[in-house]
Amino acid sequence: QLVGNRGGYVFFTRFDNMIAVTNGLDESDHAMI
């Protein structure tokens, strides 16, 4: 939800490691998440 609300996708892979496509998110977005 946090990444998706900013136009990105998150994939769960192994859950302790997840992979996101985050085009459109800047450093401040990542820090807030």
PDB file of all heavy atoms in Angstrom:
ATOM      1  N   GLN A   1       0.821  -1.206   0.000  1.00  0.00           N
ATOM      2  CA  GLN A   1       0.000   0.000   0.000  1.00  0.00           C
ATOM      3  C   GLN A   1       0.858   1.261   0.000  1.00  0.00           C
ATOM      4  O   GLN A   1       0.584   2.206  -0.749  1.00  0.00           O
ATOM      5  CB  GLN A   1      -0.929   0.005   1.205  1.00  0.00           C
ATOM      6  CG  GLN A   1      -1.909   1.182   1.225  1.00  0.00           C
ATOM      7  CD  GLN A   1      -2.934   1.044   2.319  1.00  0.00           C
ATOM      8  OE1 GLN A   1      -2.582   0.886   3.486  1.00  0.00           O
ATOM      9  NE2 GLN A   1      -4.202   1.116   1.957  1.00  0.00           N
ATOM     10  N   LEU A   2       1.901   1.290   0.830  1.00  0.00           N
ATOM     11  CA  LEU A   2       2.749   2.478   0.916  1.00  0.00           C
ATOM     12  C   LEU A   2       3.448   2.773  -0.408  1.00  0.00           C
ATOM     13  O   LEU A   2       3.525   3.926  -0.849  1.00  0.00           O
ATOM     14  CB  LEU A   2       3.793   2.291   2.027  1.00  0.00           C
ATOM     15  CG  LEU A   2       3.263   2.355   3.459  1.00  0.00           C
ATOM     16  CD1 LEU A   2       4.295   1.789   4.431  1.00  0.00           C
ATOM     17  CD2 LEU A   2       2.906   3.792   3.832  1.00  0.00           C
ATOM     18  N   VAL A   3       3.957   1.729  -1.055  1.00  0.00           N
ATOM     19  CA  VAL A   3       4.619   1.915  -2.351  1.00  0.00           C
ATOM     20  C   VAL A   3       3.586   2.092  -3.452  1.00  0.00           C
ATOM     21  O   VAL A   3       3.747   2.935  -4.344  1.00  0.00           O
ATOM     22  CB  VAL A   3       5.541   0.713  -2.643  1.00  0.00           C
ATOM     23  CG1 VAL A   3       6.119   0.802  -4.052  1.00  0.00           C
ATOM     24  CG2 VAL A   3       6.674   0.644  -1.621  1.00  0.00           C
ATOM     25  N   GLY A   4       2.504   1.322  -3.382  1.00  0.00           N
ATOM     26  CA  GLY A   4       1.485   1.396  -4.414  1.00  0.00           C
ATOM     27  C   GLY A   4       0.800   2.752  -4.479  1.00  0.00           C
ATOM     28  O   GLY A   4       0.424   3.207  -5.571  1.00  0.00           O
ATOM     29  N   ASN A   5       0.634   3.401  -3.341  1.00  0.00           N
ATOM     30  CA  ASN A   5       0.035   4.733  -3.335  1.00  0.00           C
ATOM     31  C   ASN A   5       0.896   5.765  -4.038  1.00  0.00           C
ATOM     32  O   ASN A   5       0.431   6.872  -4.334  1.00  0.00           O
ATOM     33  CB  ASN A   5      -0.238   5.189  -1.898  1.00  0.00           C
ATOM     34  CG  ASN A   5      -1.416   4.473  -1.266  1.00  0.00           C
ATOM     35  OD1 ASN A   5      -2.229   3.872  -1.963  1.00  0.00           O
ATOM     36  ND2 ASN A   5      -1.509   4.527   0.054  1.00  0.00           N
ATOM     37  N   ARG A   6       2.145   5.405  -4.296  1.00  0.00           N
ATOM     38  CA  ARG A   6       3.072   6.297  -4.996  1.00  0.00           C
ATOM     39  C   ARG A   6       3.419   5.774  -6.391  1.00  0.00           C
ATOM     40  O   ARG A   6       4.387   6.198  -6.994  1.00  0.00           O
ATOM     41  CB  ARG A   6       4.339   6.484  -4.154  1.00  0.00           C
ATOM     42  CG  ARG A   6       4.082   7.276  -2.876  1.00  0.00           C
ATOM     43  CD  ARG A   6       5.146   7.045  -1.819  1.00  0.00           C
ATOM     44  NE  ARG A   6       4.860   7.856  -0.639  1.00  0.00           N
ATOM     45  CZ  ARG A   6       3.973   7.540   0.296  1.00  0.00           C
ATOM     46  NH1 ARG A   6       3.309   6.403   0.218  1.00  0.00           N
ATOM     47  NH2 ARG A   6       3.761   8.345   1.315  1.00  0.00           N
ATOM     48  N   GLY A   7       2.615   4.845  -6.890  1.00  0.00           N
ATOM     49  CA  GLY A   7       2.764   4.378  -8.261  1.00  0.00           C
ATOM     50  C   GLY A   7       3.675   3.185  -8.453  1.00  0.00           C
ATOM     51  O   GLY A   7       3.942   2.793  -9.588  1.00  0.00           O
ATOM     52  N   GLY A   8       4.154   2.583  -7.350  1.00  0.00           N
ATOM     53  CA  GLY A   8       5.078   1.459  -7.468  1.00  0.00           C
ATOM     54  C   GLY A   8       4.409   0.122  -7.225  1.00  0.00           C
ATOM     55  O   GLY A   8       3.242   0.044  -6.849  1.00  0.00           O
ATOM     56  N   TYR A   9       5.165  -0.941  -7.455  1.00  0.00           N
ATOM     57  CA  TYR A   9       4.734  -2.313  -7.192  1.00  0.00           C
ATOM     58  C   TYR A   9       5.708  -2.949  -6.210  1.00  0.00           C
ATOM     59  O   TYR A   9       6.929  -2.746  -6.316  1.00  0.00           O
ATOM     60  CB  TYR A   9       4.772  -3.153  -8.472  1.00  0.00           C
ATOM     61  CG  TYR A   9       3.587  -3.030  -9.406  1.00  0.00           C
ATOM     62  CD1 TYR A   9       2.503  -2.200  -9.132  1.00  0.00           C
ATOM     63  CD2 TYR A   9       3.555  -3.761 -10.591  1.00  0.00           C
ATOM     64  CE1 TYR A   9       1.432  -2.103 -10.007  1.00  0.00           C
ATOM     65  CE2 TYR A   9       2.484  -3.682 -11.469  1.00  0.00           C
ATOM     66  CZ  TYR A   9       1.424  -2.843 -11.168  1.00  0.00           C
ATOM     67  OH  TYR A   9       0.370  -2.763 -12.043  1.00  0.00           O
ATOM     68  N   VAL A  10       5.178  -3.762  -5.288  1.00  0.00           N
ATOM     69  CA  VAL A  10       6.016  -4.568  -4.389  1.00  0.00           C
ATOM     70  C   VAL A  10       5.676  -6.035  -4.591  1.00  0.00           C
ATOM     71  O   VAL A  10       4.497  -6.396  -4.683  1.00  0.00           O
ATOM     72  CB  VAL A  10       5.802  -4.185  -2.911  1.00  0.00           C
ATOM     73  CG1 VAL A  10       6.637  -5.086  -2.001  1.00  0.00           C
ATOM     74  CG2 VAL A  10       6.166  -2.732  -2.671  1.00  0.00           C
ATOM     75  N   PHE A  11       6.706  -6.882  -4.636  1.00  0.00           N
ATOM     76  CA  PHE A  11       6.523  -8.321  -4.783  1.00  0.00           C
ATOM     77  C   PHE A  11       7.166  -9.002  -3.573  1.00  0.00           C
ATOM     78  O   PHE A  11       8.277  -8.674  -3.181  1.00  0.00           O
ATOM     79  CB  PHE A  11       7.158  -8.806  -6.080  1.00  0.00           C
ATOM     80  CG  PHE A  11       6.605  -8.101  -7.291  1.00  0.00           C
ATOM     81  CD1 PHE A  11       7.308  -7.057  -7.872  1.00  0.00           C
ATOM     82  CD2 PHE A  11       5.384  -8.462  -7.831  1.00  0.00           C
ATOM     83  CE1 PHE A  11       6.807  -6.394  -8.988  1.00  0.00           C
ATOM     84  CE2 PHE A  11       4.868  -7.803  -8.945  1.00  0.00           C
ATOM     85  CZ  PHE A  11       5.577  -6.762  -9.528  1.00  0.00           C
ATOM     86  N   PHE A  12       6.466 -10.016  -3.007  1.00  0.00           N
ATOM     87  CA  PHE A  12       6.868 -10.545  -1.707  1.00  0.00           C
ATOM     88  C   PHE A  12       8.082 -11.459  -1.755  1.00  0.00           C
ATOM     89  O   PHE A  12       8.759 -11.636  -0.748  1.00  0.00           O
ATOM     90  CB  PHE A  12       5.702 -11.269  -1.032  1.00  0.00           C
ATOM     91  CG  PHE A  12       5.008 -12.311  -1.866  1.00  0.00           C
ATOM     92  CD1 PHE A  12       5.555 -13.572  -2.021  1.00  0.00           C
ATOM     93  CD2 PHE A  12       3.790 -12.031  -2.479  1.00  0.00           C
ATOM     94  CE1 PHE A  12       4.907 -14.536  -2.779  1.00  0.00           C
ATOM     95  CE2 PHE A  12       3.129 -12.992  -3.228  1.00  0.00           C
ATOM     96  CZ  PHE A  12       3.689 -14.255  -3.384  1.00  0.00           C
ATOM     97  N   THR A  13       8.396 -12.085  -2.859  1.00  0.00           N
ATOM     98  CA  THR A  13       9.487 -13.065  -2.997  1.00  0.00           C
ATOM     99  C   THR A  13       9.558 -13.973  -1.769  1.00  0.00           C
ATOM    100  O   THR A  13       8.701 -14.815  -1.581  1.00  0.00           O
ATOM    101  CB  THR A  13      10.841 -12.399  -3.297  1.00  0.00           C
ATOM    102  OG1 THR A  13      11.260 -11.551  -2.237  1.00  0.00           O
ATOM    103  CG2 THR A  13      10.749 -11.581  -4.584  1.00  0.00           C
ATOM    104  N   ARG A  14      10.567 -13.763  -0.893  1.00  0.00           N
ATOM    105  CA  ARG A  14      10.725 -14.646   0.275  1.00  0.00           C
ATOM    106  C   ARG A  14      10.169 -14.018   1.555  1.00  0.00           C
ATOM    107  O   ARG A  14      10.409 -14.505   2.653  1.00  0.00           O
ATOM    108  CB  ARG A  14      12.195 -15.014   0.468  1.00  0.00           C
ATOM    109  CG  ARG A  14      12.784 -15.786  -0.691  1.00  0.00           C
ATOM    110  CD  ARG A  14      14.166 -16.306  -0.378  1.00  0.00           C
ATOM    111  NE  ARG A  14      15.147 -15.244  -0.215  1.00  0.00           N
ATOM    112  CZ  ARG A  14      15.956 -15.110   0.840  1.00  0.00           C
ATOM    113  NH1 ARG A  14      15.883 -15.958   1.843  1.00  0.00           N
ATOM    114  NH2 ARG A  14      16.821 -14.117   0.885  1.00  0.00           N
ATOM    115  N   PHE A  15       9.483 -12.906   1.455  1.00  0.00           N
ATOM    116  CA  PHE A  15       8.893 -12.162   2.569  1.00  0.00           C
ATOM    117  C   PHE A  15       9.938 -11.450   3.417  1.00  0.00           C
ATOM    118  O   PHE A  15       9.767 -10.256   3.711  1.00  0.00           O
ATOM    119  CB  PHE A  15       7.991 -13.040   3.443  1.00  0.00           C
ATOM    120  CG  PHE A  15       6.651 -13.326   2.820  1.00  0.00           C
ATOM    121  CD1 PHE A  15       6.348 -14.585   2.339  1.00  0.00           C
ATOM    122  CD2 PHE A  15       5.709 -12.330   2.697  1.00  0.00           C
ATOM    123  CE1 PHE A  15       5.120 -14.860   1.763  1.00  0.00           C
ATOM    124  CE2 PHE A  15       4.468 -12.587   2.114  1.00  0.00           C
ATOM    125  CZ  PHE A  15       4.181 -13.855   1.647  1.00  0.00           C
ATOM    126  N   ASP A  16      11.004 -12.131   3.861  1.00  0.00           N
ATOM    127  CA  ASP A  16      12.045 -11.392   4.583  1.00  0.00           C
ATOM    128  C   ASP A  16      12.854 -10.536   3.614  1.00  0.00           C
ATOM    129  O   ASP A  16      13.529  -9.586   4.027  1.00  0.00           O
ATOM    130  CB  ASP A  16      12.957 -12.328   5.378  1.00  0.00           C
ATOM    131  CG  ASP A  16      13.640 -13.389   4.527  1.00  0.00           C
ATOM    132  OD1 ASP A  16      13.213 -13.607   3.373  1.00  0.00           O
ATOM    133  OD2 ASP A  16      14.607 -13.998   5.017  1.00  0.00           O
ATOM    134  N   ASN A  17      12.780 -10.864   2.336  1.00  0.00           N
ATOM    135  CA  ASN A  17      13.312 -10.032   1.258  1.00  0.00           C
ATOM    136  C   ASN A  17      12.178  -9.770   0.270  1.00  0.00           C
ATOM    137  O   ASN A  17      11.518 -10.720  -0.174  1.00  0.00           O
ATOM    138  CB  ASN A  17      14.457 -10.724   0.526  1.00  0.00           C
ATOM    139  CG  ASN A  17      15.734 -10.750   1.322  1.00  0.00           C
ATOM    140  OD1 ASN A  17      16.658  -9.995   1.066  1.00  0.00           O
ATOM    141  ND2 ASN A  17      15.801 -11.642   2.305  1.00  0.00           N
ATOM    142  N   MET A  18      11.946  -8.515  -0.064  1.00  0.00           N
ATOM    143  CA  MET A  18      10.928  -8.148  -1.033  1.00  0.00           C
ATOM    144  C   MET A  18      11.551  -7.251  -2.088  1.00  0.00           C
ATOM    145  O   MET A  18      12.561  -6.573  -1.831  1.00  0.00           O
ATOM    146  CB  MET A  18       9.746  -7.458  -0.350  1.00  0.00           C
ATOM    147  CG  MET A  18       8.907  -8.405   0.486  1.00  0.00           C
ATOM    148  SD  MET A  18       7.644  -7.590   1.478  1.00  0.00           S
ATOM    149  CE  MET A  18       8.431  -7.592   3.083  1.00  0.00           C
ATOM    150  N   ILE A  19      10.971  -7.258  -3.268  1.00  0.00           N
ATOM    151  CA  ILE A  19      11.505  -6.493  -4.389  1.00  0.00           C
ATOM    152  C   ILE A  19      10.421  -5.554  -4.890  1.00  0.00           C
ATOM    153  O   ILE A  19       9.277  -5.975  -5.100  1.00  0.00           O
ATOM    154  CB  ILE A  19      11.979  -7.425  -5.514  1.00  0.00           C
ATOM    155  CG1 ILE A  19      13.129  -8.298  -5.014  1.00  0.00           C
ATOM    156  CG2 ILE A  19      12.420  -6.618  -6.741  1.00  0.00           C
ATOM    157  CD1 ILE A  19      13.488  -9.440  -5.958  1.00  0.00           C
ATOM    158  N   ALA A  20      10.783  -4.301  -5.077  1.00  0.00           N
ATOM    159  CA  ALA A  20       9.816  -3.296  -5.516  1.00  0.00           C
ATOM    160  C   ALA A  20      10.313  -2.598  -6.774  1.00  0.00           C
ATOM    161  O   ALA A  20      11.513  -2.364  -6.940  1.00  0.00           O
ATOM    162  CB  ALA A  20       9.583  -2.267  -4.409  1.00  0.00           C
ATOM    163  N   VAL A  21       9.370  -2.269  -7.652  1.00  0.00           N
ATOM    164  CA  VAL A  21       9.638  -1.380  -8.786  1.00  0.00           C
ATOM    165  C   VAL A  21       9.161  -0.002  -8.355  1.00  0.00           C
ATOM    166  O   VAL A  21       7.962   0.204  -8.135  1.00  0.00           O
ATOM    167  CB  VAL A  21       8.902  -1.852 -10.053  1.00  0.00           C
ATOM    168  CG1 VAL A  21       9.227  -0.931 -11.226  1.00  0.00           C
ATOM    169  CG2 VAL A  21       9.279  -3.287 -10.385  1.00  0.00           C
ATOM    170  N   THR A  22      10.094   0.937  -8.209  1.00  0.00           N
ATOM    171  CA  THR A  22       9.793   2.189  -7.501  1.00  0.00           C
ATOM    172  C   THR A  22      10.016   3.442  -8.337  1.00  0.00           C
ATOM    173  O   THR A  22      10.271   4.519  -7.789  1.00  0.00           O
ATOM    174  CB  THR A  22      10.625   2.272  -6.204  1.00  0.00           C
ATOM    175  OG1 THR A  22      12.024   2.132  -6.522  1.00  0.00           O
ATOM    176  CG2 THR A  22      10.215   1.195  -5.208  1.00  0.00           C
ATOM    177  N   ASN A  23       9.918   3.340  -9.647  1.00  0.00           N
ATOM    178  CA  ASN A  23      10.000   4.545 -10.467  1.00  0.00           C
ATOM    179  C   ASN A  23       8.960   5.552  -9.986  1.00  0.00           C
ATOM    180  O   ASN A  23       7.797   5.205  -9.784  1.00  0.00           O
ATOM    181  CB  ASN A  23       9.745   4.207 -11.935  1.00  0.00           C
ATOM    182  CG  ASN A  23      10.849   3.383 -12.532  1.00  0.00           C
ATOM    183  OD1 ASN A  23      11.019   2.224 -12.175  1.00  0.00           O
ATOM    184  ND2 ASN A  23      11.613   3.966 -13.455  1.00  0.00           N
ATOM    185  N   GLY A  24       9.400   6.784  -9.782  1.00  0.00           N
ATOM    186  CA  GLY A  24       8.508   7.820  -9.279  1.00  0.00           C
ATOM    187  C   GLY A  24       8.663   8.092  -7.794  1.00  0.00           C
ATOM    188  O   GLY A  24       8.197   9.126  -7.299  1.00  0.00           O
ATOM    189  N   LEU A  25       9.309   7.181  -7.073  1.00  0.00           N
ATOM    190  CA  LEU A  25       9.566   7.401  -5.655  1.00  0.00           C
ATOM    191  C   LEU A  25      10.976   7.950  -5.482  1.00  0.00           C
ATOM    192  O   LEU A  25      11.938   7.405  -6.025  1.00  0.00           O
ATOM    193  CB  LEU A  25       9.440   6.100  -4.849  1.00  0.00           C
ATOM    194  CG  LEU A  25       8.020   5.633  -4.494  1.00  0.00           C
ATOM    195  CD1 LEU A  25       7.308   5.071  -5.722  1.00  0.00           C
ATOM    196  CD2 LEU A  25       8.068   4.585  -3.379  1.00  0.00           C
ATOM    197  N   ASP A  26      11.107   9.029  -4.710  1.00  0.00           N
ATOM    198  CA  ASP A  26      12.427   9.601  -4.460  1.00  0.00           C
ATOM    199  C   ASP A  26      12.944   9.150  -3.096  1.00  0.00           C
ATOM    200  O   ASP A  26      12.317   8.333  -2.410  1.00  0.00           O
ATOM    201  CB  ASP A  26      12.399  11.129  -4.581  1.00  0.00           C
ATOM    202  CG  ASP A  26      11.456  11.797  -3.584  1.00  0.00           C
ATOM    203  OD1 ASP A  26      11.066  11.148  -2.592  1.00  0.00           O
ATOM    204  OD2 ASP A  26      11.106  12.970  -3.816  1.00  0.00           O
ATOM    205  N   GLU A  27      14.082   9.699  -2.695  1.00  0.00           N
ATOM    206  CA  GLU A  27      14.699   9.260  -1.445  1.00  0.00           C
ATOM    207  C   GLU A  27      13.817   9.566  -0.242  1.00  0.00           C
ATOM    208  O   GLU A  27      13.728   8.769   0.695  1.00  0.00           O
ATOM    209  CB  GLU A  27      16.070   9.921  -1.274  1.00  0.00           C
ATOM    210  CG  GLU A  27      16.843   9.405  -0.065  1.00  0.00           C
ATOM    211  CD  GLU A  27      18.263   9.951   0.014  1.00  0.00           C
ATOM    212  OE1 GLU A  27      18.729  10.539  -0.984  1.00  0.00           O
ATOM    213  OE2 GLU A  27      18.894   9.785   1.069  1.00  0.00           O
ATOM    214  N   SER A  28      13.147  10.712  -0.260  1.00  0.00           N
ATOM    215  CA  SER A  28      12.285  11.069   0.868  1.00  0.00           C
ATOM    216  C   SER A  28      11.100  10.113   0.980  1.00  0.00           C
ATOM    217  O   SER A  28      10.657   9.790   2.095  1.00  0.00           O
ATOM    218  CB  SER A  28      11.797  12.514   0.741  1.00  0.00           C
ATOM    219  OG  SER A  28      10.983  12.677  -0.402  1.00  0.00           O
ATOM    220  N   ASP A  29      10.576   9.648  -0.150  1.00  0.00           N
ATOM    221  CA  ASP A  29       9.505   8.644  -0.115  1.00  0.00           C
ATOM    222  C   ASP A  29       9.998   7.362   0.538  1.00  0.00           C
ATOM    223  O   ASP A  29       9.291   6.759   1.368  1.00  0.00           O
ATOM    224  CB  ASP A  29       9.020   8.335  -1.534  1.00  0.00           C
ATOM    225  CG  ASP A  29       8.291   9.486  -2.186  1.00  0.00           C
ATOM    226  OD1 ASP A  29       7.483  10.142  -1.497  1.00  0.00           O
ATOM    227  OD2 ASP A  29       8.532   9.732  -3.380  1.00  0.00           O
ATOM    228  N   HIS A  30      11.184   6.944   0.155  1.00  0.00           N
ATOM    229  CA  HIS A  30      11.749   5.717   0.748  1.00  0.00           C
ATOM    230  C   HIS A  30      11.960   5.893   2.253  1.00  0.00           C
ATOM    231  O   HIS A  30      11.665   4.982   3.039  1.00  0.00           O
ATOM    232  CB  HIS A  30      13.070   5.371   0.074  1.00  0.00           C
ATOM    233  CG  HIS A  30      12.921   4.712  -1.264  1.00  0.00           C
ATOM    234  ND1 HIS A  30      12.662   5.423  -2.408  1.00  0.00           N
ATOM    235  CD2 HIS A  30      13.006   3.411  -1.637  1.00  0.00           C
ATOM    236  CE1 HIS A  30      12.596   4.589  -3.440  1.00  0.00           C
ATOM    237  NE2 HIS A  30      12.795   3.360  -2.999  1.00  0.00           N
ATOM    238  N   ALA A  31      12.453   7.054   2.663  1.00  0.00           N
ATOM    239  CA  ALA A  31      12.703   7.297   4.087  1.00  0.00           C
ATOM    240  C   ALA A  31      11.400   7.297   4.878  1.00  0.00           C
ATOM    241  O   ALA A  31      11.334   6.775   6.000  1.00  0.00           O
ATOM    242  CB  ALA A  31      13.436   8.621   4.266  1.00  0.00           C
ATOM    243  N   MET A  32      10.341   7.870   4.301  1.00  0.00           N
ATOM    244  CA  MET A  32       9.049   7.899   4.976  1.00  0.00           C
ATOM    245  C   MET A  32       8.489   6.492   5.139  1.00  0.00           C
ATOM    246  O   MET A  32       7.962   6.138   6.195  1.00  0.00           O
ATOM    247  CB  MET A  32       8.073   8.776   4.189  1.00  0.00           C
ATOM    248  CG  MET A  32       6.718   9.005   4.887  1.00  0.00           C
ATOM    249  SD  MET A  32       5.574   7.610   4.792  1.00  0.00           S
ATOM    250  CE  MET A  32       5.340   7.535   3.014  1.00  0.00           C
ATOM    251  N   ILE A  33       8.611   5.678   4.082  1.00  0.00           N
ATOM    252  CA  ILE A  33       8.142   4.301   4.144  1.00  0.00           C
ATOM    253  C   ILE A  33       8.914   3.533   5.217  1.00  0.00           C
ATOM    254  O   ILE A  33       8.330   2.788   6.023  1.00  0.00           O
ATOM    255  CB  ILE A  33       8.288   3.624   2.769  1.00  0.00           C
ATOM    256  CG1 ILE A  33       7.283   4.236   1.777  1.00  0.00           C
ATOM    257  CG2 ILE A  33       8.122   2.112   2.868  1.00  0.00           C
ATOM    258  CD1 ILE A  33       7.522   3.837   0.335  1.00  0.00           C
TER     259      ILE A  33
END
